[in-house]
Amino acid sequence: MLPARNRMRRSTDFEATVKSGIKAVQPDLVVHVRPGRPEDEGGAPRVGLIISKPVGSAVERHRVARRLRHVARTMLGDLHESDRVVIRALPSSRNASSARLEQQVRRGLRRALRPAGPGR
């Protein structure tokens, strides 16, 4: 379970992160990251999940959500205090193992947070 202070709740936060954040596409999910800026409110990093009906039945969506919340909780320490992350589950995520989901979230975060190199 994600601690309350790390949960993204407002639709405006989701929208801002998805629209102005950095997107990293993985086979079973999409990771949107909006790195924190000094003028942003501090506190704690916030994580939100988007798990829509194409993922499956309510039972399957809740199972995917539980697994992604667990994965997100383990990587809170890797985020800066004003970072915002939205994880969008794709339909194939319902068949992916927890280890595979964790690997994809970590890879997505690494890709989104790495500094742009020369030629980018």
Foldseek 3Di string as FASTA:
>chain_A
DAPPQQEDDDVVLVVCQVPVFFWDDDPFKIKGKDADDPVADFAFHHEYEAEDPLLDDPVLSVVLVVLVSVLVRVCRVVGHRHMYMYMYGDNCSSVDDSVVVSVRNVVGVCVRPDDDDPPD
